N, C-alpha and C. Protein backbone atom coordinates (compact mmCIF):
# COMPACT_ATOMS: atom_id res chain seq x y z
N ASP A 1 187.33 134.35 85.71
CA ASP A 1 188.39 134.81 84.82
C ASP A 1 189.39 135.69 85.56
N LYS A 2 188.89 136.51 86.47
CA LYS A 2 189.76 137.48 87.15
C LYS A 2 190.53 136.87 88.30
N ASN A 3 190.11 135.71 88.77
CA ASN A 3 190.73 135.10 89.94
C ASN A 3 191.70 134.01 89.48
N LYS A 4 192.84 134.43 88.92
CA LYS A 4 193.83 133.50 88.35
C LYS A 4 194.43 132.57 89.40
N LYS A 5 194.48 133.01 90.66
CA LYS A 5 195.10 132.19 91.70
C LYS A 5 194.37 130.87 91.94
N LEU A 6 193.11 130.79 91.50
CA LEU A 6 192.39 129.53 91.65
C LEU A 6 192.89 128.47 90.69
N GLY A 7 193.54 128.91 89.60
CA GLY A 7 194.07 127.97 88.63
C GLY A 7 193.00 127.19 87.90
N LEU A 8 191.84 127.79 87.70
CA LEU A 8 190.74 127.12 87.03
C LEU A 8 190.46 127.76 85.68
N GLU A 9 190.02 126.95 84.75
CA GLU A 9 189.49 127.50 83.51
C GLU A 9 188.08 127.98 83.84
N ALA A 10 187.85 129.25 83.63
CA ALA A 10 186.56 129.82 84.04
C ALA A 10 185.51 129.62 82.96
N ILE A 11 184.52 128.84 83.28
CA ILE A 11 183.36 128.65 82.41
C ILE A 11 182.16 129.05 83.26
N PRO A 12 181.61 130.24 83.01
CA PRO A 12 180.49 130.67 83.86
C PRO A 12 179.25 129.82 83.62
N ILE A 13 178.79 129.22 84.69
CA ILE A 13 177.59 128.40 84.65
C ILE A 13 176.61 129.00 85.65
N VAL A 14 175.42 129.26 85.19
CA VAL A 14 174.38 129.79 86.06
C VAL A 14 173.45 128.64 86.40
N LEU A 15 173.38 128.32 87.69
CA LEU A 15 172.47 127.27 88.14
C LEU A 15 171.12 127.90 88.46
N VAL A 16 170.10 127.36 87.88
CA VAL A 16 168.75 127.84 88.14
C VAL A 16 168.01 126.70 88.83
N ILE A 17 167.65 126.96 90.08
CA ILE A 17 167.04 125.92 90.89
C ILE A 17 165.54 126.13 90.96
N GLY A 18 164.82 125.09 90.63
CA GLY A 18 163.37 125.15 90.68
C GLY A 18 162.80 123.77 90.91
N GLY A 19 162.08 123.64 91.97
CA GLY A 19 161.43 122.37 92.27
C GLY A 19 159.99 122.64 92.62
N SER A 20 159.24 121.60 92.84
CA SER A 20 157.81 121.79 93.10
C SER A 20 157.57 122.68 94.31
N LYS A 21 158.38 122.51 95.35
CA LYS A 21 158.19 123.33 96.57
C LYS A 21 158.47 124.80 96.27
N SER A 22 159.62 125.10 95.67
CA SER A 22 159.97 126.50 95.42
C SER A 22 159.12 127.10 94.31
N ASP A 23 158.79 126.32 93.30
CA ASP A 23 158.00 126.86 92.19
C ASP A 23 156.57 127.18 92.61
N ASN A 24 156.06 126.51 93.63
CA ASN A 24 154.70 126.78 94.09
C ASN A 24 154.60 128.02 94.96
N ASP A 25 155.73 128.53 95.45
CA ASP A 25 155.74 129.72 96.29
C ASP A 25 155.95 130.94 95.39
N LYS A 26 154.87 131.42 94.78
CA LYS A 26 154.96 132.52 93.81
C LYS A 26 155.36 133.84 94.46
N LYS A 27 155.18 133.96 95.75
CA LYS A 27 155.59 135.18 96.45
C LYS A 27 157.12 135.30 96.43
N ARG A 28 157.81 134.18 96.67
CA ARG A 28 159.28 134.20 96.68
C ARG A 28 159.89 133.86 95.32
N ASN A 29 159.21 133.07 94.53
CA ASN A 29 159.73 132.64 93.22
C ASN A 29 158.65 132.84 92.16
N PRO A 30 158.43 134.09 91.77
CA PRO A 30 157.33 134.38 90.85
C PRO A 30 157.54 133.89 89.41
N LEU A 31 158.77 133.55 89.05
CA LEU A 31 159.04 133.10 87.69
C LEU A 31 159.42 131.63 87.65
N SER A 32 159.03 130.96 86.59
CA SER A 32 159.43 129.57 86.40
C SER A 32 160.92 129.54 86.03
N VAL A 33 161.52 128.37 86.08
CA VAL A 33 162.91 128.21 85.69
C VAL A 33 163.10 128.68 84.25
N THR A 34 162.21 128.28 83.38
CA THR A 34 162.29 128.67 81.97
C THR A 34 162.22 130.19 81.80
N GLU A 35 161.31 130.82 82.51
CA GLU A 35 161.19 132.29 82.43
C GLU A 35 162.45 132.98 82.95
N ARG A 36 163.00 132.49 84.06
CA ARG A 36 164.22 133.10 84.60
C ARG A 36 165.35 133.02 83.60
N ILE A 37 165.52 131.86 82.98
CA ILE A 37 166.59 131.69 82.00
C ILE A 37 166.34 132.59 80.79
N GLN A 38 165.12 132.65 80.30
CA GLN A 38 164.80 133.49 79.14
C GLN A 38 165.13 134.96 79.41
N PHE A 39 164.77 135.47 80.57
CA PHE A 39 165.04 136.87 80.88
C PHE A 39 166.53 137.13 81.08
N MET A 40 167.24 136.18 81.70
CA MET A 40 168.69 136.38 81.86
C MET A 40 169.37 136.42 80.50
N LYS A 41 168.99 135.53 79.61
CA LYS A 41 169.59 135.53 78.27
C LYS A 41 169.22 136.80 77.51
N ALA A 42 167.98 137.23 77.60
CA ALA A 42 167.52 138.43 76.88
C ALA A 42 168.17 139.71 77.40
N SER A 43 168.65 139.68 78.64
CA SER A 43 169.27 140.89 79.23
C SER A 43 170.55 141.29 78.53
N GLY A 44 171.21 140.34 77.88
CA GLY A 44 172.48 140.62 77.25
C GLY A 44 173.64 140.60 78.24
N ASN A 45 173.36 140.30 79.50
CA ASN A 45 174.40 140.27 80.53
C ASN A 45 174.91 138.86 80.82
N ALA A 46 174.47 137.90 80.06
CA ALA A 46 174.85 136.51 80.31
C ALA A 46 175.54 135.92 79.07
N ASN A 47 176.33 136.73 78.41
CA ASN A 47 176.91 136.37 77.12
C ASN A 47 177.57 135.00 77.06
N ARG A 48 178.49 134.72 77.94
CA ARG A 48 179.22 133.45 77.87
C ARG A 48 178.66 132.39 78.80
N ALA A 49 177.64 132.71 79.54
CA ALA A 49 177.13 131.79 80.55
C ALA A 49 176.41 130.60 79.93
N THR A 50 176.62 129.46 80.57
CA THR A 50 175.87 128.25 80.28
C THR A 50 174.84 128.13 81.39
N PHE A 51 173.63 127.82 81.03
CA PHE A 51 172.56 127.68 82.03
C PHE A 51 172.27 126.22 82.26
N MET A 52 172.20 125.87 83.53
CA MET A 52 171.86 124.51 83.91
C MET A 52 170.82 124.61 85.02
N GLU A 53 170.01 123.60 85.13
CA GLU A 53 168.96 123.65 86.15
C GLU A 53 168.92 122.36 86.96
N GLY A 54 168.31 122.50 88.12
CA GLY A 54 168.14 121.35 89.00
C GLY A 54 166.96 121.62 89.91
N THR A 55 166.39 120.56 90.44
CA THR A 55 165.23 120.72 91.32
C THR A 55 165.64 121.13 92.73
N ASN A 56 166.93 121.03 93.03
CA ASN A 56 167.48 121.51 94.30
C ASN A 56 168.97 121.74 94.10
N ALA A 57 169.64 122.27 95.12
CA ALA A 57 171.06 122.60 94.99
C ALA A 57 171.89 121.36 94.67
N PHE A 58 171.61 120.25 95.33
CA PHE A 58 172.37 119.02 95.07
C PHE A 58 172.26 118.60 93.61
N LYS A 59 171.04 118.56 93.10
CA LYS A 59 170.82 118.14 91.71
C LYS A 59 171.50 119.10 90.73
N ALA A 60 171.46 120.39 91.02
CA ALA A 60 172.09 121.37 90.14
C ALA A 60 173.60 121.19 90.13
N LEU A 61 174.20 121.01 91.30
CA LEU A 61 175.65 120.79 91.37
C LEU A 61 176.03 119.45 90.73
N GLU A 62 175.18 118.46 90.90
CA GLU A 62 175.42 117.16 90.27
C GLU A 62 175.42 117.29 88.75
N ALA A 63 174.53 118.11 88.21
CA ALA A 63 174.47 118.32 86.76
C ALA A 63 175.77 118.93 86.24
N ILE A 64 176.35 119.84 87.01
CA ILE A 64 177.63 120.44 86.62
C ILE A 64 178.72 119.36 86.59
N ARG A 65 178.74 118.56 87.62
CA ARG A 65 179.75 117.51 87.71
C ARG A 65 179.61 116.50 86.57
N GLU A 66 178.37 116.15 86.23
CA GLU A 66 178.15 115.19 85.15
C GLU A 66 178.65 115.71 83.80
N LYS A 67 178.71 117.02 83.66
CA LYS A 67 179.25 117.63 82.44
C LYS A 67 180.77 117.69 82.46
N GLY A 68 181.37 117.29 83.59
CA GLY A 68 182.82 117.25 83.70
C GLY A 68 183.46 118.53 84.20
N PHE A 69 182.67 119.43 84.73
CA PHE A 69 183.21 120.69 85.24
C PHE A 69 183.57 120.53 86.71
N GLU A 70 184.83 120.18 86.97
CA GLU A 70 185.27 120.03 88.34
C GLU A 70 186.77 120.23 88.38
N PRO A 71 187.34 120.84 89.39
CA PRO A 71 186.68 121.36 90.58
C PRO A 71 185.78 122.54 90.25
N ILE A 72 184.95 122.87 91.20
CA ILE A 72 183.96 123.93 91.01
C ILE A 72 184.28 125.09 91.94
N ALA A 73 184.24 126.29 91.39
CA ALA A 73 184.34 127.51 92.19
C ALA A 73 182.95 128.10 92.23
N VAL A 74 182.35 128.12 93.42
CA VAL A 74 180.99 128.59 93.59
C VAL A 74 181.01 130.07 93.95
N ALA A 75 180.25 130.87 93.21
CA ALA A 75 180.06 132.28 93.54
C ALA A 75 178.63 132.43 94.04
N ALA A 76 178.49 132.84 95.30
CA ALA A 76 177.16 132.99 95.89
C ALA A 76 177.27 133.94 97.08
N GLY A 77 176.11 134.35 97.55
CA GLY A 77 176.06 135.22 98.73
C GLY A 77 176.44 134.47 99.98
N SER A 78 176.83 135.21 101.00
CA SER A 78 177.28 134.61 102.26
C SER A 78 176.18 133.79 102.93
N ASP A 79 174.92 134.05 102.57
CA ASP A 79 173.82 133.31 103.17
C ASP A 79 173.64 131.92 102.58
N ARG A 80 174.32 131.62 101.47
CA ARG A 80 174.14 130.32 100.82
C ARG A 80 175.43 129.57 100.53
N ILE A 81 176.51 130.28 100.39
CA ILE A 81 177.73 129.66 99.86
C ILE A 81 178.24 128.50 100.69
N ASP A 82 178.21 128.61 102.01
CA ASP A 82 178.74 127.52 102.84
C ASP A 82 177.94 126.24 102.65
N ALA A 83 176.64 126.35 102.48
CA ALA A 83 175.81 125.16 102.25
C ALA A 83 176.18 124.49 100.93
N TYR A 84 176.44 125.29 99.89
CA TYR A 84 176.83 124.72 98.60
C TYR A 84 178.18 124.02 98.69
N ILE A 85 179.14 124.65 99.35
CA ILE A 85 180.46 124.04 99.49
C ILE A 85 180.37 122.78 100.35
N GLU A 86 179.53 122.78 101.37
CA GLU A 86 179.34 121.60 102.21
C GLU A 86 178.83 120.42 101.38
N ILE A 87 177.88 120.69 100.48
CA ILE A 87 177.36 119.63 99.60
C ILE A 87 178.49 119.09 98.73
N LEU A 88 179.25 119.99 98.12
CA LEU A 88 180.35 119.56 97.25
C LEU A 88 181.38 118.74 98.02
N ASP A 89 181.78 119.23 99.18
CA ASP A 89 182.81 118.53 99.96
C ASP A 89 182.33 117.17 100.47
N LYS A 90 181.07 117.06 100.80
CA LYS A 90 180.54 115.82 101.36
C LYS A 90 180.26 114.75 100.30
N TYR A 91 179.70 115.17 99.17
CA TYR A 91 179.20 114.19 98.21
C TYR A 91 179.99 114.07 96.91
N PHE A 92 180.84 115.02 96.61
CA PHE A 92 181.53 115.00 95.32
C PHE A 92 183.01 114.76 95.54
N LYS A 93 183.45 113.55 95.27
CA LYS A 93 184.83 113.11 95.50
C LYS A 93 185.40 112.56 94.19
N THR A 94 186.71 112.34 94.18
CA THR A 94 187.35 111.69 93.04
C THR A 94 186.90 110.23 93.02
N PRO A 95 187.11 109.52 91.91
CA PRO A 95 186.71 108.10 91.85
C PRO A 95 187.32 107.24 92.96
N ASP A 96 188.50 107.63 93.45
CA ASP A 96 189.11 106.85 94.53
C ASP A 96 188.78 107.39 95.92
N GLY A 97 187.76 108.29 96.01
CA GLY A 97 187.27 108.76 97.29
C GLY A 97 187.99 109.96 97.89
N GLN A 98 188.90 110.56 97.14
CA GLN A 98 189.64 111.71 97.65
C GLN A 98 188.81 113.00 97.52
N ASN A 99 189.11 113.95 98.40
CA ASN A 99 188.45 115.25 98.33
C ASN A 99 188.87 116.01 97.08
N ILE A 100 187.95 116.81 96.57
CA ILE A 100 188.23 117.68 95.43
C ILE A 100 188.27 119.10 95.97
N PRO A 101 189.31 119.86 95.64
CA PRO A 101 189.43 121.22 96.21
C PRO A 101 188.51 122.24 95.54
N HIS A 102 187.28 122.29 96.00
CA HIS A 102 186.33 123.28 95.48
C HIS A 102 186.63 124.63 96.12
N SER A 103 186.28 125.69 95.44
CA SER A 103 186.56 127.04 95.93
C SER A 103 185.27 127.83 96.07
N LYS A 104 185.33 128.82 96.94
CA LYS A 104 184.16 129.69 97.06
C LYS A 104 184.57 131.13 96.82
N ILE A 105 183.68 131.82 96.14
CA ILE A 105 183.83 133.25 95.88
C ILE A 105 182.59 133.89 96.49
N VAL A 106 182.79 134.53 97.63
CA VAL A 106 181.67 135.11 98.36
C VAL A 106 181.30 136.44 97.72
N LEU A 107 180.06 136.54 97.29
CA LEU A 107 179.55 137.78 96.73
C LEU A 107 179.12 138.67 97.88
N THR A 108 179.77 139.80 97.99
CA THR A 108 179.50 140.70 99.11
C THR A 108 178.13 141.32 98.94
N ARG A 109 177.33 141.19 99.98
CA ARG A 109 176.00 141.79 99.99
C ARG A 109 175.82 142.53 101.29
N ASP A 110 175.09 143.59 101.22
CA ASP A 110 174.77 144.35 102.42
C ASP A 110 174.00 143.43 103.35
N GLU A 111 174.21 143.56 104.64
CA GLU A 111 173.51 142.72 105.61
C GLU A 111 172.00 142.78 105.44
N ASP A 112 171.49 143.96 105.03
CA ASP A 112 170.05 144.11 104.87
C ASP A 112 169.51 143.33 103.67
N ALA A 113 170.39 142.88 102.77
CA ALA A 113 169.94 142.11 101.62
C ALA A 113 169.75 140.64 101.95
N VAL A 114 170.25 140.22 103.10
CA VAL A 114 170.14 138.83 103.52
C VAL A 114 168.95 138.69 104.46
N GLU A 115 168.12 137.70 104.21
CA GLU A 115 166.89 137.55 105.00
C GLU A 115 167.17 137.06 106.41
N THR A 116 166.80 137.87 107.36
CA THR A 116 166.87 137.47 108.76
C THR A 116 165.53 137.86 109.37
N ASN A 117 165.44 138.99 110.02
CA ASN A 117 164.19 139.50 110.58
C ASN A 117 163.38 140.11 109.43
N LYS A 118 162.27 139.47 109.06
CA LYS A 118 161.50 139.89 107.89
C LYS A 118 160.97 141.32 108.00
N GLU A 119 160.49 141.70 109.17
CA GLU A 119 159.95 143.05 109.33
C GLU A 119 161.05 144.10 109.19
N ALA A 120 162.18 143.86 109.84
CA ALA A 120 163.31 144.80 109.76
C ALA A 120 163.84 144.86 108.33
N LYS A 121 163.87 143.71 107.69
CA LYS A 121 164.35 143.67 106.30
C LYS A 121 163.43 144.48 105.39
N GLN A 122 162.13 144.34 105.56
CA GLN A 122 161.19 145.09 104.73
C GLN A 122 161.35 146.59 104.94
N ILE A 123 161.49 147.03 106.18
CA ILE A 123 161.69 148.45 106.46
C ILE A 123 162.98 148.93 105.79
N SER A 124 164.03 148.15 105.91
CA SER A 124 165.31 148.50 105.30
C SER A 124 165.19 148.59 103.78
N MET A 125 164.51 147.61 103.18
CA MET A 125 164.34 147.63 101.72
C MET A 125 163.52 148.84 101.29
N ASP A 126 162.46 149.15 102.02
CA ASP A 126 161.62 150.31 101.68
C ASP A 126 162.44 151.60 101.74
N GLN A 127 163.29 151.72 102.75
CA GLN A 127 164.13 152.91 102.87
C GLN A 127 165.13 152.98 101.71
N LEU A 128 165.73 151.85 101.38
CA LEU A 128 166.69 151.79 100.28
C LEU A 128 166.02 152.18 98.97
N LEU A 129 164.84 151.64 98.71
CA LEU A 129 164.13 151.94 97.47
C LEU A 129 163.72 153.40 97.40
N SER A 130 163.27 153.96 98.50
CA SER A 130 162.89 155.38 98.52
C SER A 130 164.09 156.28 98.25
N ALA A 131 165.23 155.93 98.84
CA ALA A 131 166.45 156.72 98.66
C ALA A 131 167.03 156.56 97.27
N ALA A 132 166.67 155.49 96.57
CA ALA A 132 167.25 155.20 95.26
C ALA A 132 166.53 155.88 94.10
N LYS A 133 165.50 156.62 94.37
CA LYS A 133 164.75 157.27 93.29
C LYS A 133 165.70 158.03 92.37
N GLY A 134 165.72 157.66 91.10
CA GLY A 134 166.53 158.34 90.11
C GLY A 134 168.01 157.99 90.15
N LYS A 135 168.41 157.01 90.96
CA LYS A 135 169.82 156.62 91.09
C LYS A 135 169.96 155.12 90.82
N GLU A 136 171.17 154.72 90.46
CA GLU A 136 171.46 153.29 90.32
C GLU A 136 171.59 152.68 91.72
N ILE A 137 171.16 151.47 91.87
CA ILE A 137 171.25 150.77 93.16
C ILE A 137 172.58 150.02 93.22
N ASP A 138 173.30 150.21 94.29
CA ASP A 138 174.60 149.56 94.50
C ASP A 138 174.41 148.05 94.46
N ILE A 139 175.27 147.37 93.72
CA ILE A 139 175.16 145.92 93.54
C ILE A 139 175.16 145.16 94.86
N LYS A 140 175.82 145.67 95.90
CA LYS A 140 175.87 144.95 97.17
C LYS A 140 174.51 144.91 97.86
N ASN A 141 173.58 145.74 97.41
CA ASN A 141 172.23 145.76 97.99
C ASN A 141 171.24 144.93 97.19
N VAL A 142 171.65 144.41 96.06
CA VAL A 142 170.74 143.70 95.17
C VAL A 142 170.41 142.32 95.72
N SER A 143 169.15 141.98 95.66
CA SER A 143 168.69 140.64 96.04
C SER A 143 167.35 140.40 95.36
N GLY A 144 166.96 139.14 95.29
CA GLY A 144 165.65 138.82 94.75
C GLY A 144 164.55 139.44 95.60
N SER A 145 164.77 139.48 96.90
CA SER A 145 163.77 140.08 97.80
C SER A 145 163.58 141.56 97.49
N LEU A 146 164.69 142.26 97.23
CA LEU A 146 164.60 143.69 96.92
C LEU A 146 163.86 143.91 95.60
N ALA A 147 164.13 143.06 94.61
CA ALA A 147 163.44 143.18 93.32
C ALA A 147 161.94 142.95 93.49
N ARG A 148 161.58 141.92 94.25
CA ARG A 148 160.15 141.66 94.50
C ARG A 148 159.51 142.81 95.25
N ARG A 149 160.22 143.37 96.22
CA ARG A 149 159.66 144.49 96.99
C ARG A 149 159.46 145.70 96.09
N ALA A 150 160.37 145.95 95.18
CA ALA A 150 160.21 147.06 94.23
C ALA A 150 158.95 146.85 93.40
N VAL A 151 158.68 145.63 93.00
CA VAL A 151 157.46 145.32 92.24
C VAL A 151 156.23 145.57 93.12
N GLU A 152 156.26 145.08 94.35
CA GLU A 152 155.13 145.28 95.26
C GLU A 152 154.79 146.75 95.46
N LEU A 153 155.83 147.60 95.50
CA LEU A 153 155.64 149.03 95.73
C LEU A 153 155.40 149.82 94.43
N GLY A 154 155.52 149.12 93.29
CA GLY A 154 155.31 149.79 92.01
C GLY A 154 156.48 150.64 91.54
N TYR A 155 157.68 150.35 92.02
CA TYR A 155 158.89 151.10 91.67
C TYR A 155 159.54 150.51 90.42
N GLU A 156 159.03 150.85 89.26
CA GLU A 156 159.51 150.26 88.01
C GLU A 156 160.95 150.63 87.68
N ASP A 157 161.33 151.90 87.84
CA ASP A 157 162.70 152.32 87.51
C ASP A 157 163.71 151.65 88.43
N GLU A 158 163.41 151.61 89.71
CA GLU A 158 164.31 150.98 90.67
C GLU A 158 164.42 149.48 90.40
N PHE A 159 163.29 148.87 90.03
CA PHE A 159 163.29 147.45 89.67
C PHE A 159 164.23 147.22 88.49
N ALA A 160 164.13 148.06 87.47
CA ALA A 160 164.98 147.92 86.28
C ALA A 160 166.46 147.99 86.67
N SER A 161 166.79 148.88 87.60
CA SER A 161 168.17 149.00 88.07
C SER A 161 168.60 147.74 88.82
N ILE A 162 167.75 147.23 89.67
CA ILE A 162 168.07 146.04 90.47
C ILE A 162 168.35 144.85 89.57
N VAL A 163 167.56 144.66 88.53
CA VAL A 163 167.71 143.49 87.68
C VAL A 163 168.64 143.74 86.49
N GLY A 164 169.29 144.90 86.47
CA GLY A 164 170.28 145.19 85.43
C GLY A 164 169.69 145.48 84.07
N LEU A 165 168.46 146.01 84.04
CA LEU A 165 167.80 146.26 82.77
C LEU A 165 167.47 147.74 82.57
N SER A 166 168.20 148.64 83.21
CA SER A 166 167.94 150.07 83.04
C SER A 166 168.04 150.49 81.58
N ASP A 167 168.93 149.83 80.84
CA ASP A 167 169.13 150.18 79.43
C ASP A 167 168.19 149.40 78.49
N LYS A 168 167.30 148.59 79.05
CA LYS A 168 166.33 147.82 78.26
C LYS A 168 164.95 147.98 78.88
N PRO A 169 164.37 149.18 78.77
CA PRO A 169 163.11 149.45 79.46
C PRO A 169 161.94 148.57 79.04
N VAL A 170 161.88 148.17 77.79
CA VAL A 170 160.77 147.32 77.34
C VAL A 170 160.86 145.94 78.02
N LEU A 171 162.05 145.38 78.06
CA LEU A 171 162.25 144.09 78.71
C LEU A 171 162.01 144.22 80.22
N ALA A 172 162.48 145.31 80.82
CA ALA A 172 162.27 145.54 82.25
C ALA A 172 160.78 145.62 82.57
N LYS A 173 160.03 146.32 81.75
CA LYS A 173 158.59 146.47 81.99
C LYS A 173 157.88 145.11 81.85
N LYS A 174 158.29 144.32 80.87
CA LYS A 174 157.70 142.99 80.68
C LYS A 174 157.97 142.11 81.90
N LEU A 175 159.20 142.12 82.39
CA LEU A 175 159.56 141.33 83.56
C LEU A 175 158.82 141.83 84.80
N PHE A 176 158.76 143.14 84.98
CA PHE A 176 158.03 143.75 86.09
C PHE A 176 156.59 143.29 86.09
N SER A 177 155.94 143.34 84.93
CA SER A 177 154.52 142.96 84.82
C SER A 177 154.31 141.48 85.12
N LEU A 178 155.20 140.65 84.63
CA LEU A 178 155.09 139.21 84.86
C LEU A 178 155.23 138.89 86.35
N ILE A 179 156.18 139.52 87.01
CA ILE A 179 156.37 139.29 88.44
C ILE A 179 155.19 139.85 89.23
N SER A 180 154.73 141.02 88.85
CA SER A 180 153.59 141.65 89.54
C SER A 180 152.37 140.72 89.48
N LYS A 181 152.11 140.20 88.32
CA LYS A 181 150.96 139.29 88.16
C LYS A 181 151.13 138.03 89.01
N ALA A 182 152.33 137.47 89.00
CA ALA A 182 152.58 136.22 89.74
C ALA A 182 152.45 136.41 91.25
N ILE A 183 152.96 137.51 91.79
CA ILE A 183 152.92 137.66 93.24
C ILE A 183 151.55 138.09 93.76
N LYS A 184 150.68 138.52 92.86
CA LYS A 184 149.32 138.89 93.26
C LYS A 184 148.36 137.72 93.23
N GLU A 185 148.78 136.64 92.58
CA GLU A 185 147.91 135.44 92.46
C GLU A 185 147.76 134.74 93.79
């Protein structure tokens, strides 16, 4: 909505990707696709969003295209956005084979939020979580890895801040417990 220069009608669509490979890795993906969608809707922060799912990025983007939403402006972190745009540019063309001008909106994230060196990332996340006691966590530091780490360390308040549920403690506690149970299995 705010990026008028793209000349697109903004319809926020949240792609939720879940396939047998990713769903079986409870350490990285402790919630099912259905659970993720339920919690996002219950948060009250997804008011106008349409939720669509796919077993991988290609299938999810294909589902958007089948609904007639094109061109697509993808909003994602720098660690994923180029791969999504590459899929769109390579496989999604006009009926006569012409390129479609897809756009990318890079969500700025702190370098420590992007997975590279796992040990260094864990140390960085632990320091961030310790320093965040009683404070809101800056959105540029938010990641699924940070939320999972907060659960592993038992940091319920910080977890609520990361997932945007500080104002919904009952829902935050329910989500925290569900993730805690899943990653311990």
